[in-house]
N, C-alpha and C. Protein backbone atom coordinates (compact mmCIF):
# COMPACT_ATOMS: atom_id res chain seq x y z
N MET A 1 -3.91 -18.06 4.49
CA MET A 1 -4.76 -19.15 4.09
C MET A 1 -4.59 -20.31 5.07
N LYS A 2 -5.68 -21.03 5.28
CA LYS A 2 -5.64 -22.24 6.11
C LYS A 2 -5.70 -23.44 5.17
N LEU A 3 -4.71 -24.30 5.30
CA LEU A 3 -4.58 -25.45 4.41
C LEU A 3 -4.69 -26.73 5.23
N ALA A 4 -5.52 -27.67 4.76
CA ALA A 4 -5.62 -28.99 5.37
C ALA A 4 -5.04 -30.00 4.39
N ILE A 5 -4.17 -30.85 4.89
CA ILE A 5 -3.59 -31.92 4.07
C ILE A 5 -3.98 -33.24 4.73
N VAL A 6 -4.71 -34.06 4.00
CA VAL A 6 -5.11 -35.38 4.49
C VAL A 6 -4.20 -36.39 3.81
N ILE A 7 -3.43 -37.12 4.62
CA ILE A 7 -2.52 -38.13 4.08
C ILE A 7 -3.11 -39.50 4.38
N ASN A 8 -3.23 -40.33 3.33
CA ASN A 8 -3.82 -41.65 3.45
C ASN A 8 -2.91 -42.70 2.81
N THR A 9 -1.63 -42.63 3.14
CA THR A 9 -0.67 -43.60 2.60
C THR A 9 0.56 -43.64 3.49
N ASN A 10 1.24 -44.77 3.46
CA ASN A 10 2.54 -44.85 4.12
C ASN A 10 3.66 -44.95 3.07
N ASP A 11 3.34 -44.61 1.84
CA ASP A 11 4.33 -44.56 0.78
C ASP A 11 5.34 -43.46 1.11
N PRO A 12 6.63 -43.78 1.20
CA PRO A 12 7.62 -42.79 1.61
C PRO A 12 7.64 -41.53 0.74
N GLU A 13 7.62 -41.68 -0.57
CA GLU A 13 7.72 -40.51 -1.43
C GLU A 13 6.49 -39.62 -1.32
N LYS A 14 5.31 -40.22 -1.31
CA LYS A 14 4.08 -39.43 -1.23
C LYS A 14 3.97 -38.71 0.12
N THR A 15 4.31 -39.42 1.18
CA THR A 15 4.25 -38.82 2.51
C THR A 15 5.26 -37.69 2.63
N TRP A 16 6.46 -37.91 2.16
CA TRP A 16 7.52 -36.89 2.18
C TRP A 16 7.09 -35.66 1.41
N ASN A 17 6.52 -35.85 0.22
CA ASN A 17 6.07 -34.71 -0.59
C ASN A 17 4.92 -33.97 0.08
N ALA A 18 4.01 -34.68 0.73
CA ALA A 18 2.91 -34.03 1.44
C ALA A 18 3.45 -33.14 2.56
N LEU A 19 4.42 -33.65 3.30
CA LEU A 19 5.02 -32.87 4.37
C LEU A 19 5.84 -31.70 3.83
N ARG A 20 6.49 -31.90 2.72
CA ARG A 20 7.24 -30.80 2.09
C ARG A 20 6.29 -29.68 1.70
N LEU A 21 5.13 -30.05 1.16
CA LEU A 21 4.11 -29.06 0.82
C LEU A 21 3.69 -28.30 2.07
N GLY A 22 3.43 -29.02 3.14
CA GLY A 22 3.05 -28.38 4.40
C GLY A 22 4.13 -27.44 4.90
N ASN A 23 5.37 -27.86 4.85
CA ASN A 23 6.48 -27.01 5.30
C ASN A 23 6.61 -25.76 4.45
N THR A 24 6.45 -25.90 3.16
CA THR A 24 6.54 -24.74 2.27
C THR A 24 5.43 -23.75 2.57
N ALA A 25 4.22 -24.25 2.79
CA ALA A 25 3.10 -23.37 3.12
C ALA A 25 3.33 -22.67 4.46
N LEU A 26 3.86 -23.38 5.44
CA LEU A 26 4.16 -22.76 6.73
C LEU A 26 5.19 -21.65 6.58
N LYS A 27 6.22 -21.90 5.79
CA LYS A 27 7.25 -20.88 5.56
C LYS A 27 6.69 -19.64 4.89
N ARG A 28 5.61 -19.80 4.15
CA ARG A 28 4.99 -18.67 3.46
C ARG A 28 3.93 -17.99 4.32
N GLY A 29 3.83 -18.44 5.58
CA GLY A 29 2.94 -17.78 6.53
C GLY A 29 1.54 -18.35 6.62
N HIS A 30 1.31 -19.49 6.00
CA HIS A 30 -0.02 -20.10 6.04
C HIS A 30 -0.15 -21.00 7.27
N GLU A 31 -1.38 -21.26 7.64
CA GLU A 31 -1.67 -22.19 8.73
C GLU A 31 -1.93 -23.56 8.10
N VAL A 32 -1.27 -24.60 8.62
CA VAL A 32 -1.38 -25.92 8.00
C VAL A 32 -1.73 -26.98 9.04
N GLY A 33 -2.74 -27.78 8.72
CA GLY A 33 -3.10 -28.93 9.52
C GLY A 33 -2.97 -30.19 8.67
N VAL A 34 -2.35 -31.21 9.23
CA VAL A 34 -2.21 -32.50 8.55
C VAL A 34 -2.96 -33.53 9.37
N PHE A 35 -3.80 -34.30 8.68
CA PHE A 35 -4.54 -35.39 9.32
C PHE A 35 -4.08 -36.69 8.69
N LEU A 36 -3.62 -37.60 9.53
CA LEU A 36 -3.16 -38.91 9.08
C LEU A 36 -4.30 -39.92 9.23
N VAL A 37 -4.60 -40.61 8.15
CA VAL A 37 -5.67 -41.60 8.15
C VAL A 37 -5.19 -42.84 7.42
N GLY A 38 -5.78 -43.98 7.72
CA GLY A 38 -5.35 -45.23 7.08
C GLY A 38 -3.90 -45.53 7.42
N SER A 39 -3.17 -46.03 6.45
CA SER A 39 -1.77 -46.43 6.70
C SER A 39 -0.85 -45.25 7.00
N ALA A 40 -1.32 -44.03 6.79
CA ALA A 40 -0.50 -42.86 7.10
C ALA A 40 -0.20 -42.74 8.59
N VAL A 41 -1.02 -43.36 9.44
CA VAL A 41 -0.75 -43.29 10.88
C VAL A 41 0.55 -44.02 11.24
N GLU A 42 1.10 -44.76 10.31
CA GLU A 42 2.37 -45.45 10.51
C GLU A 42 3.56 -44.54 10.20
N ILE A 43 3.34 -43.24 10.13
CA ILE A 43 4.34 -42.28 9.66
C ILE A 43 5.67 -42.38 10.40
N GLU A 44 5.65 -42.69 11.68
CA GLU A 44 6.89 -42.76 12.45
C GLU A 44 7.75 -43.97 12.09
N SER A 45 7.16 -44.94 11.42
CA SER A 45 7.93 -46.13 11.04
C SER A 45 8.33 -46.12 9.57
N ILE A 46 8.09 -45.00 8.89
CA ILE A 46 8.48 -44.90 7.48
C ILE A 46 9.96 -44.55 7.40
N HIS A 47 10.73 -45.45 6.84
CA HIS A 47 12.17 -45.23 6.68
C HIS A 47 12.56 -45.55 5.25
N ASP A 48 13.15 -44.59 4.58
CA ASP A 48 13.58 -44.77 3.20
C ASP A 48 14.79 -43.88 3.00
N PRO A 49 15.88 -44.41 2.48
CA PRO A 49 17.10 -43.59 2.33
C PRO A 49 16.93 -42.41 1.36
N ARG A 50 15.97 -42.51 0.46
CA ARG A 50 15.78 -41.42 -0.52
C ARG A 50 14.89 -40.31 0.00
N TYR A 51 13.97 -40.63 0.92
CA TYR A 51 12.98 -39.66 1.36
C TYR A 51 13.02 -39.54 2.88
N ASP A 52 13.48 -38.41 3.37
CA ASP A 52 13.65 -38.19 4.80
C ASP A 52 12.32 -37.78 5.44
N VAL A 53 11.44 -38.75 5.61
CA VAL A 53 10.13 -38.48 6.19
C VAL A 53 10.27 -37.99 7.63
N ALA A 54 11.12 -38.64 8.42
CA ALA A 54 11.28 -38.25 9.83
C ALA A 54 11.80 -36.82 9.96
N GLY A 55 12.79 -36.46 9.18
CA GLY A 55 13.34 -35.11 9.24
C GLY A 55 12.35 -34.06 8.76
N THR A 56 11.60 -34.39 7.72
CA THR A 56 10.61 -33.46 7.18
C THR A 56 9.44 -33.30 8.16
N LEU A 57 9.07 -34.39 8.82
CA LEU A 57 8.04 -34.33 9.84
C LEU A 57 8.50 -33.48 11.03
N ALA A 58 9.74 -33.67 11.44
CA ALA A 58 10.28 -32.87 12.55
C ALA A 58 10.27 -31.38 12.21
N ALA A 59 10.62 -31.05 10.98
CA ALA A 59 10.60 -29.66 10.55
C ALA A 59 9.17 -29.11 10.57
N PHE A 60 8.21 -29.92 10.15
CA PHE A 60 6.81 -29.52 10.15
C PHE A 60 6.34 -29.20 11.57
N LEU A 61 6.67 -30.08 12.49
CA LEU A 61 6.26 -29.87 13.88
C LEU A 61 6.97 -28.68 14.50
N SER A 62 8.25 -28.50 14.17
CA SER A 62 9.01 -27.37 14.70
C SER A 62 8.46 -26.04 14.20
N ALA A 63 7.89 -26.05 13.00
CA ALA A 63 7.33 -24.83 12.41
C ALA A 63 5.89 -24.60 12.88
N ARG A 64 5.46 -25.39 13.85
CA ARG A 64 4.12 -25.28 14.45
C ARG A 64 3.01 -25.74 13.52
N GLY A 65 3.32 -26.72 12.69
CA GLY A 65 2.26 -27.36 11.91
C GLY A 65 1.41 -28.19 12.85
N ASN A 66 0.14 -28.32 12.53
CA ASN A 66 -0.80 -29.07 13.36
C ASN A 66 -0.91 -30.49 12.79
N LEU A 67 -0.57 -31.49 13.59
CA LEU A 67 -0.59 -32.87 13.15
C LEU A 67 -1.59 -33.67 13.98
N LEU A 68 -2.48 -34.37 13.30
CA LEU A 68 -3.50 -35.20 13.95
C LEU A 68 -3.48 -36.59 13.33
N ALA A 69 -3.87 -37.59 14.11
CA ALA A 69 -3.92 -38.97 13.59
C ALA A 69 -5.23 -39.63 13.99
N CYS A 70 -5.80 -40.36 13.07
CA CYS A 70 -7.05 -41.08 13.29
C CYS A 70 -6.86 -42.15 14.37
N GLY A 71 -7.61 -42.01 15.45
CA GLY A 71 -7.51 -42.97 16.55
C GLY A 71 -7.95 -44.36 16.16
N THR A 72 -9.00 -44.47 15.35
CA THR A 72 -9.48 -45.77 14.91
C THR A 72 -8.44 -46.47 14.06
N CYS A 73 -7.75 -45.70 13.20
CA CYS A 73 -6.71 -46.27 12.33
C CYS A 73 -5.52 -46.73 13.17
N LEU A 74 -5.17 -45.96 14.19
CA LEU A 74 -4.09 -46.36 15.10
C LEU A 74 -4.48 -47.66 15.82
N LYS A 75 -5.69 -47.68 16.35
CA LYS A 75 -6.16 -48.84 17.10
C LYS A 75 -6.19 -50.10 16.24
N SER A 76 -6.64 -49.97 14.99
CA SER A 76 -6.74 -51.14 14.12
C SER A 76 -5.36 -51.73 13.80
N ARG A 77 -4.32 -50.91 13.96
CA ARG A 77 -2.95 -51.37 13.73
C ARG A 77 -2.22 -51.66 15.04
N GLN A 78 -2.94 -51.57 16.13
CA GLN A 78 -2.39 -51.77 17.46
C GLN A 78 -1.21 -50.84 17.72
N LEU A 79 -1.38 -49.57 17.31
CA LEU A 79 -0.37 -48.53 17.52
C LEU A 79 -0.88 -47.55 18.55
N GLU A 80 0.04 -46.89 19.21
CA GLU A 80 -0.31 -45.82 20.13
C GLU A 80 0.08 -44.51 19.48
N SER A 81 -0.50 -43.44 19.98
CA SER A 81 -0.13 -42.13 19.42
C SER A 81 1.32 -41.85 19.77
N GLY A 82 1.99 -41.18 18.88
CA GLY A 82 3.39 -40.85 19.09
C GLY A 82 3.58 -39.35 19.03
N VAL A 83 3.93 -38.86 17.85
CA VAL A 83 4.22 -37.44 17.69
C VAL A 83 2.97 -36.58 17.59
N CYS A 84 1.81 -37.20 17.50
CA CYS A 84 0.59 -36.40 17.37
C CYS A 84 -0.52 -37.00 18.23
N PRO A 85 -1.48 -36.15 18.60
CA PRO A 85 -2.58 -36.65 19.42
C PRO A 85 -3.54 -37.53 18.64
N ILE A 86 -4.16 -38.43 19.38
CA ILE A 86 -5.21 -39.27 18.78
C ILE A 86 -6.40 -38.39 18.47
N SER A 87 -6.93 -38.52 17.28
CA SER A 87 -8.02 -37.68 16.83
C SER A 87 -9.17 -38.54 16.31
N THR A 88 -10.24 -37.86 15.96
CA THR A 88 -11.45 -38.54 15.50
C THR A 88 -11.89 -37.97 14.15
N MET A 89 -12.88 -38.61 13.57
CA MET A 89 -13.44 -38.10 12.33
C MET A 89 -14.10 -36.73 12.55
N VAL A 90 -14.62 -36.50 13.74
CA VAL A 90 -15.18 -35.18 14.05
C VAL A 90 -14.10 -34.11 13.91
N GLN A 91 -12.91 -34.39 14.41
CA GLN A 91 -11.82 -33.43 14.29
C GLN A 91 -11.37 -33.27 12.84
N LEU A 92 -11.45 -34.33 12.04
CA LEU A 92 -11.14 -34.20 10.63
C LEU A 92 -12.17 -33.30 9.94
N VAL A 93 -13.43 -33.50 10.25
CA VAL A 93 -14.47 -32.64 9.68
C VAL A 93 -14.24 -31.18 10.08
N GLU A 94 -13.89 -30.95 11.34
CA GLU A 94 -13.63 -29.58 11.80
C GLU A 94 -12.43 -28.98 11.07
N LEU A 95 -11.38 -29.78 10.86
CA LEU A 95 -10.21 -29.30 10.12
C LEU A 95 -10.62 -28.89 8.71
N ILE A 96 -11.43 -29.71 8.07
CA ILE A 96 -11.89 -29.41 6.72
C ILE A 96 -12.78 -28.16 6.71
N GLU A 97 -13.72 -28.10 7.66
CA GLU A 97 -14.63 -26.95 7.73
C GLU A 97 -13.88 -25.63 7.93
N ASN A 98 -12.79 -25.68 8.70
CA ASN A 98 -12.05 -24.47 9.04
C ASN A 98 -10.92 -24.15 8.07
N SER A 99 -10.81 -24.89 6.99
CA SER A 99 -9.73 -24.69 6.03
C SER A 99 -10.24 -24.02 4.77
N ASP A 100 -9.34 -23.24 4.15
CA ASP A 100 -9.67 -22.62 2.88
C ASP A 100 -9.47 -23.60 1.72
N ARG A 101 -8.49 -24.48 1.87
CA ARG A 101 -8.18 -25.48 0.85
C ARG A 101 -7.89 -26.81 1.53
N VAL A 102 -8.33 -27.90 0.89
CA VAL A 102 -8.09 -29.24 1.40
C VAL A 102 -7.43 -30.05 0.29
N ILE A 103 -6.36 -30.72 0.65
CA ILE A 103 -5.64 -31.58 -0.29
C ILE A 103 -5.58 -32.97 0.30
N SER A 104 -5.88 -33.97 -0.50
CA SER A 104 -5.80 -35.36 -0.05
C SER A 104 -4.70 -36.05 -0.85
N ILE A 105 -3.80 -36.70 -0.12
CA ILE A 105 -2.68 -37.39 -0.76
C ILE A 105 -2.69 -38.84 -0.32
N GLY A 106 -2.71 -39.72 -1.27
CA GLY A 106 -2.68 -41.12 -0.91
C GLY A 106 -3.34 -41.92 -1.94
């Protein structure tokens, strides 16, 4: 199955759980794409002692999860791309079109 996860929050617990879902799906042999939109593009600056977002994100990338970030959202926050390429709404539509299931968290 191809799974798309759209994250639209920088809330540590929600972001961590979204990535955990992605990691679990990858371990079960599914293809997973995550698109960061809105405040989720701040993912690299999320630090919380209870929720290891950075470690869970690293595991997702190591397992060959596909991570994309909205370029307009990055630009509006004066951020540059970090762990993922700058993407567009066209790429989000393509991710959705090519997925069997889409989950939005945020």
